[in-house]
Structure formats: C-alpha cells, structure tokens
C-alpha cells in the first residue's frame, strides 16, 4: 500500500504512515477517538505543528545550545543502557528439553487448581450465626435474603456470593470448610480473623493436571522470563565486581 504524503513543512514530508503510527502509540481508548477521518486530520495538524517547532528550532540554531547538548548526552546514555539490556535479554538460549524440564519441575504452577464458588454471611458473633441459620432452616429467609439483611461483607449486595476462586486464596479456616462441603450444603458457624461465617457451597471444580502440549507456549514464556531474571542478576553481580561504586 502506498505511503501517501499528506503534507510538507519546509520540504520535509509528513506521510500517512506517520499519522497511523502516531495513533498506534496512543492509549487504546484514546486512539479510538482518532480513527475517523476527522480524527486523523487532527493528528495530521498536530504533526504539522511539531514539524513547525522543529523547523523553528533549527532556524534559531538550538542545536548549538548547551541545553540541547546536555539533553542529547542524556538520551545517548539512556539508549546505550537500553541497548545493553536488550542485548543481554536477547542472548537467552535454551533447548527444547529445558522447556519440558521446566514444565515437569513446575507442574503444579501450570495446572488448574481446585476451585470453589461459595456464598457466605459474615457477622460478629457465633450467636448471630446460629440465629440466622435457624431462620434459613425454617424457611423464614433464603440464604441470599439472609446475606443481604445481616452480612457485614460487601458481598451482601450479591446475596453473599464470592464467585469462583482457586484454593489458597481465602484464609485457611474458611477453606478448610468450603472445600470439604457438598454442593448446596450450608455450614455451621466458621470463625476466622474477620468474624463468624455461614458458608454455602454453590459449585466446586476439581483440580486438573496440565498437559505439556496444551501449555507449552505459557511454559516457554515463563522459562524465558526466569532465565532473563537469572541473567540480569548475574550480569549485575559481575558488573558490581568489575566497576567502582561509591556511596556518598
């Protein structure tokens, strides 16, 4: 596709690609505002404005100023630093067998943990729990109605529902009960650091062991990240031994 020239400023071209690339660098939500023809015209005008500032800077010989030279030196240092980091990151190498070994060593990490979908009612005392349980058992209130009326947890607005979560997310006392209930079962009072809970199990999903072929891409990315951190740390250690650091 032809890269159409949309304008020139002092002989310097501003092209369609420059407009598109400017939009791509914006925050996605902000970029949406400039996808129309009118929006692209606004971006073109902004690029023209920037080119005018550049032309004016050259006319006024700002390149010869100390401010420019200082900023250029800073940019040079930043670019050199980033190039060195990028070179290190790109030097990472490993074999196919390393990916499989990483998978086997971290099988739990890549597998799907046991999950539970529970609702709860949180109050301050065990007596309150027992009173609410009685009302639910006698049909005076449904669990959801009781949660909305009595729970001090923000989940009361959803009838006490906490949604689906993996094992290990809630406090141990809560999970010890939640993950050992039957679907639809309502617990006895459960004490935690937050107060007293009545728990209802809505659904429970079994843990599923990952298969290598299904998660190979994820495992590879995780291994790359791990090796990059290791190489970065090793490089830092080597440089600290090689170069002089003085804390002032």
Protein backbone atom coordinates (compact mmCIF):
# COMPACT_ATOMS: atom_id res chain seq x y z
CA UNK A 1 0.00 0.00 0.00
CA UNK A 2 1.32 3.43 -0.99
CA UNK A 3 2.59 5.59 1.85
CA UNK A 4 0.81 8.76 0.77
CA UNK A 5 2.42 12.12 1.50
CA UNK A 6 -0.17 14.27 3.29
CA UNK A 7 1.80 17.48 3.84
CA UNK A 8 5.26 19.02 3.79
CA UNK A 9 6.80 21.50 6.21
CA UNK A 10 9.89 23.29 4.91
CA UNK A 11 10.26 20.48 2.40
CA UNK A 12 10.03 17.68 4.99
CA UNK A 13 7.27 15.15 4.22
CA UNK A 14 4.53 14.04 6.62
CA UNK A 15 3.05 10.74 5.47
CA UNK A 16 0.01 8.54 6.05
CA UNK A 17 2.20 6.03 7.92
CA UNK A 18 3.33 8.73 10.34
CA UNK A 19 -0.28 9.56 11.18
CA UNK A 20 -1.13 5.86 11.70
CA UNK A 21 1.97 5.27 13.84
CA UNK A 22 1.17 8.33 15.97
CA UNK A 23 -2.30 6.90 16.67
CA UNK A 24 -0.84 3.44 17.50
CA UNK A 25 1.37 4.98 20.19
CA UNK A 26 -1.65 6.43 21.98
CA UNK A 27 -3.52 4.72 24.80
CA UNK A 28 -6.00 2.28 23.11
CA UNK A 29 -9.05 4.10 24.48
CA UNK A 30 -7.68 7.46 23.35
CA UNK A 31 -6.66 6.05 19.96
CA UNK A 32 -10.26 5.08 19.23
CA UNK A 33 -11.19 8.77 19.22
CA UNK A 34 -8.87 9.41 16.25
CA UNK A 35 -9.77 6.51 13.96
CA UNK A 36 -12.26 8.59 11.95
CA UNK A 37 -11.21 10.76 9.02
CA UNK A 38 -11.80 13.85 11.14
CA UNK A 39 -9.66 12.39 13.92
CA UNK A 40 -6.82 11.63 11.51
CA UNK A 41 -6.98 15.21 10.22
CA UNK A 42 -6.49 16.39 13.81
CA UNK A 43 -3.44 14.13 14.17
CA UNK A 44 -2.05 15.46 10.88
CA UNK A 45 -2.39 19.01 12.17
CA UNK A 46 -0.55 18.03 15.36
CA UNK A 47 2.28 16.51 13.30
CA UNK A 48 2.44 19.70 11.24
CA UNK A 49 2.66 21.71 14.49
CA UNK A 50 5.52 19.53 15.73
CA UNK A 51 7.33 19.90 12.40
CA UNK A 52 6.93 23.67 12.65
CA UNK A 53 8.53 23.62 16.11
CA UNK A 54 11.39 21.54 14.69
CA UNK A 55 11.89 23.90 11.74
CA UNK A 56 11.82 26.88 14.09
CA UNK A 57 14.33 25.24 16.43
CA UNK A 58 16.74 24.70 13.54
CA UNK A 59 16.26 28.31 12.36
CA UNK A 60 17.11 29.53 15.85
CA UNK A 61 20.13 27.16 15.98
CA UNK A 62 19.01 25.45 19.17
CA UNK A 63 21.28 22.54 18.18
CA UNK A 64 24.22 24.70 19.22
CA UNK A 65 22.79 25.46 22.66
CA UNK A 66 24.14 23.93 25.88
CA UNK A 67 20.62 22.76 26.76
CA UNK A 68 20.42 20.69 23.57
CA UNK A 69 23.87 19.19 24.07
CA UNK A 70 23.03 18.23 27.66
CA UNK A 71 19.73 16.61 26.66
CA UNK A 72 21.43 14.80 23.77
CA UNK A 73 24.03 13.39 26.15
CA UNK A 74 21.29 12.14 28.47
CA UNK A 75 19.46 10.49 25.56
CA UNK A 76 22.70 8.86 24.40
CA UNK A 77 23.25 7.35 27.85
CA UNK A 78 19.65 6.09 28.02
CA UNK A 79 19.87 4.50 24.56
CA UNK A 80 23.20 2.83 25.34
CA UNK A 81 21.84 1.47 28.62
CA UNK A 82 18.71 0.06 26.97
CA UNK A 83 20.70 -1.43 24.07
CA UNK A 84 22.92 -3.24 26.57
CA UNK A 85 19.93 -4.58 28.50
CA UNK A 86 18.23 -5.67 25.24
CA UNK A 87 21.42 -7.41 24.10
CA UNK A 88 21.50 -9.35 27.37
CA UNK A 89 17.82 -10.32 27.14
CA UNK A 90 18.22 -11.47 23.54
CA UNK A 91 21.20 -13.65 24.42
CA UNK A 92 19.00 -16.14 26.29
CA UNK A 93 19.29 -19.63 24.79
CA UNK A 94 17.83 -22.98 25.83
CA UNK A 95 16.91 -26.36 24.37
CA UNK A 96 13.51 -27.97 23.83
CA UNK A 97 14.36 -30.34 26.67
CA UNK A 98 14.76 -27.34 29.01
CA UNK A 99 11.14 -26.38 28.36
CA UNK A 100 9.96 -29.89 29.19
CA UNK A 101 12.11 -29.99 32.33
CA UNK A 102 10.71 -26.62 33.44
CA UNK A 103 7.19 -27.96 32.92
CA UNK A 104 7.85 -31.10 34.96
CA UNK A 105 9.51 -29.14 37.77
CA UNK A 106 6.62 -26.68 37.98
CA UNK A 107 3.67 -28.92 37.10
CA UNK A 108 1.50 -27.50 39.88
CA UNK A 109 2.09 -23.96 38.63
CA UNK A 110 0.79 -24.77 35.14
CA UNK A 111 -2.07 -26.99 36.26
CA UNK A 112 -5.57 -25.81 37.15
CA UNK A 113 -6.07 -25.78 40.94
CA UNK A 114 -9.18 -26.94 42.72
CA UNK A 115 -11.78 -24.14 42.73
CA UNK A 116 -14.90 -23.33 44.71
CA UNK A 117 -17.82 -20.98 44.20
CA UNK A 118 -19.22 -20.05 47.59
CA UNK A 119 -21.54 -17.57 49.20
CA UNK A 120 -21.22 -16.53 52.82
CA UNK A 121 -22.77 -14.48 55.57
CA UNK A 122 -20.32 -12.65 57.83
CA UNK A 123 -21.33 -11.45 61.30
CA UNK A 124 -19.59 -10.60 64.58
CA UNK A 125 -20.75 -13.41 66.89
CA UNK A 126 -21.49 -17.11 66.84
CA UNK A 127 -24.94 -16.47 68.35
CA UNK A 128 -25.83 -14.29 65.35
CA UNK A 129 -24.77 -17.12 63.06
CA UNK A 130 -26.94 -19.63 64.89
CA UNK A 131 -29.95 -17.30 64.80
CA UNK A 132 -29.54 -16.73 61.05
CA UNK A 133 -29.08 -20.45 60.44
CA UNK A 134 -32.33 -21.13 62.22
CA UNK A 135 -34.20 -18.61 60.06
CA UNK A 136 -32.79 -20.20 56.90
CA UNK A 137 -33.57 -23.76 58.08
CA UNK A 138 -37.16 -22.82 58.96
CA UNK A 139 -37.70 -21.15 55.60
CA UNK A 140 -38.13 -17.68 57.07
CA UNK A 141 -35.32 -16.38 54.81
CA UNK A 142 -33.37 -17.77 51.87
CA UNK A 143 -29.60 -17.78 52.22
CA UNK A 144 -29.37 -14.85 49.78
CA UNK A 145 -32.01 -12.84 51.64
CA UNK A 146 -30.23 -13.50 54.95
CA UNK A 147 -26.93 -12.33 53.48
CA UNK A 148 -28.45 -9.08 52.24
CA UNK A 149 -30.14 -8.47 55.58
CA UNK A 150 -27.39 -9.47 58.02
CA UNK A 151 -23.93 -9.85 56.44
CA UNK A 152 -21.32 -7.16 57.04
CA UNK A 153 -19.30 -8.21 53.98
CA UNK A 154 -19.67 -6.14 50.76
CA UNK A 155 -20.65 -9.40 49.05
CA UNK A 156 -24.07 -8.99 50.74
CA UNK A 157 -25.14 -6.97 47.68
CA UNK A 158 -24.76 -10.19 45.64
CA UNK A 159 -26.55 -12.35 48.17
CA UNK A 160 -23.21 -13.19 49.78
CA UNK A 161 -21.69 -14.65 46.61
CA UNK A 162 -17.87 -14.60 46.46
CA UNK A 163 -17.62 -16.05 42.96
CA UNK A 164 -15.30 -18.80 41.75
CA UNK A 165 -11.80 -18.77 43.28
CA UNK A 166 -8.81 -21.16 43.44
CA UNK A 167 -7.77 -22.98 46.57
CA UNK A 168 -5.28 -20.92 48.52
CA UNK A 169 -6.99 -17.56 48.03
CA UNK A 170 -9.13 -17.50 51.17
CA UNK A 171 -7.98 -17.78 54.80
CA UNK A 172 -7.24 -21.39 55.89
CA UNK A 173 -10.15 -21.69 58.35
CA UNK A 174 -12.63 -20.68 55.64
CA UNK A 175 -11.18 -23.00 53.00
CA UNK A 176 -10.94 -25.96 55.36
CA UNK A 177 -14.73 -25.92 55.42
CA UNK A 178 -15.58 -24.60 51.94
CA UNK A 179 -13.54 -27.21 50.07
CA UNK A 180 -14.97 -30.08 52.11
CA UNK A 181 -18.67 -29.37 51.61
CA UNK A 182 -21.21 -30.82 49.22
CA UNK A 183 -22.92 -28.69 46.59
CA UNK A 184 -25.79 -26.70 48.13
CA UNK A 185 -24.66 -27.51 51.68
CA UNK A 186 -24.70 -24.78 54.34
CA UNK A 187 -22.02 -24.86 57.02
CA UNK A 188 -22.03 -24.49 60.77
CA UNK A 189 -20.52 -21.21 62.08
CA UNK A 190 -16.89 -20.80 60.99
CA UNK A 191 -14.61 -18.46 62.94
CA UNK A 192 -11.87 -16.51 61.14
CA UNK A 193 -9.95 -13.29 61.80
CA UNK A 194 -12.84 -11.41 60.16
CA UNK A 195 -15.64 -12.75 62.36
CA UNK A 196 -18.09 -15.63 62.05
CA UNK A 197 -19.20 -17.04 58.69
CA UNK A 198 -22.01 -19.20 57.42
CA UNK A 199 -20.79 -20.73 54.16
CA UNK A 200 -22.83 -22.11 51.28
CA UNK A 201 -21.12 -24.12 48.53
CA UNK A 202 -22.58 -23.30 45.11
CA UNK A 203 -20.11 -25.21 42.96
CA UNK A 204 -16.78 -26.98 43.20
CA UNK A 205 -14.33 -27.74 40.39
CA UNK A 206 -11.71 -30.47 40.66
CA UNK A 207 -8.04 -29.74 40.08
CA UNK A 208 -6.85 -30.60 36.58
CA UNK A 209 -3.25 -31.58 35.86
CA UNK A 210 -1.83 -29.70 32.87
CA UNK A 211 -0.75 -31.45 29.67
CA UNK A 212 2.52 -30.21 28.16
CA UNK A 213 1.18 -29.66 24.64
CA UNK A 214 -1.69 -27.53 25.98
CA UNK A 215 0.52 -25.16 27.97
CA UNK A 216 3.79 -25.30 26.02
CA UNK A 217 3.59 -21.63 24.97
CA UNK A 218 2.94 -20.50 28.55
CA UNK A 219 5.75 -22.69 29.87
CA UNK A 220 8.16 -21.28 27.26
CA UNK A 221 7.33 -17.68 28.17
CA UNK A 222 7.73 -18.48 31.86
CA UNK A 223 11.11 -20.11 31.24
CA UNK A 224 12.30 -17.14 29.17
CA UNK A 225 11.25 -14.77 31.96
CA UNK A 226 13.02 -16.91 34.56
CA UNK A 227 16.26 -17.11 32.56
CA UNK A 228 16.17 -13.38 31.82
CA UNK A 229 15.90 -12.63 35.55
CA UNK A 230 18.76 -15.03 36.25
CA UNK A 231 20.99 -13.49 33.56
CA UNK A 232 20.09 -9.97 34.67
CA UNK A 233 21.02 -10.77 38.28
CA UNK A 234 24.25 -12.49 37.20
CA UNK A 235 25.20 -9.53 34.98
CA UNK A 236 24.53 -7.06 37.79
CA UNK A 237 26.71 -9.11 40.15
CA UNK A 238 29.53 -9.24 37.59
CA UNK A 239 29.36 -5.50 36.90
CA UNK A 240 29.36 -4.64 40.60
CA UNK A 241 32.60 -6.58 40.92
CA UNK A 242 34.06 -5.01 37.78
CA UNK A 243 33.15 -1.32 38.20
CA UNK A 244 33.71 1.07 41.11
CA UNK A 245 30.67 2.14 43.15
CA UNK A 246 30.97 4.80 45.83
CA UNK A 247 28.03 5.53 48.12
CA UNK A 248 28.11 9.21 49.07
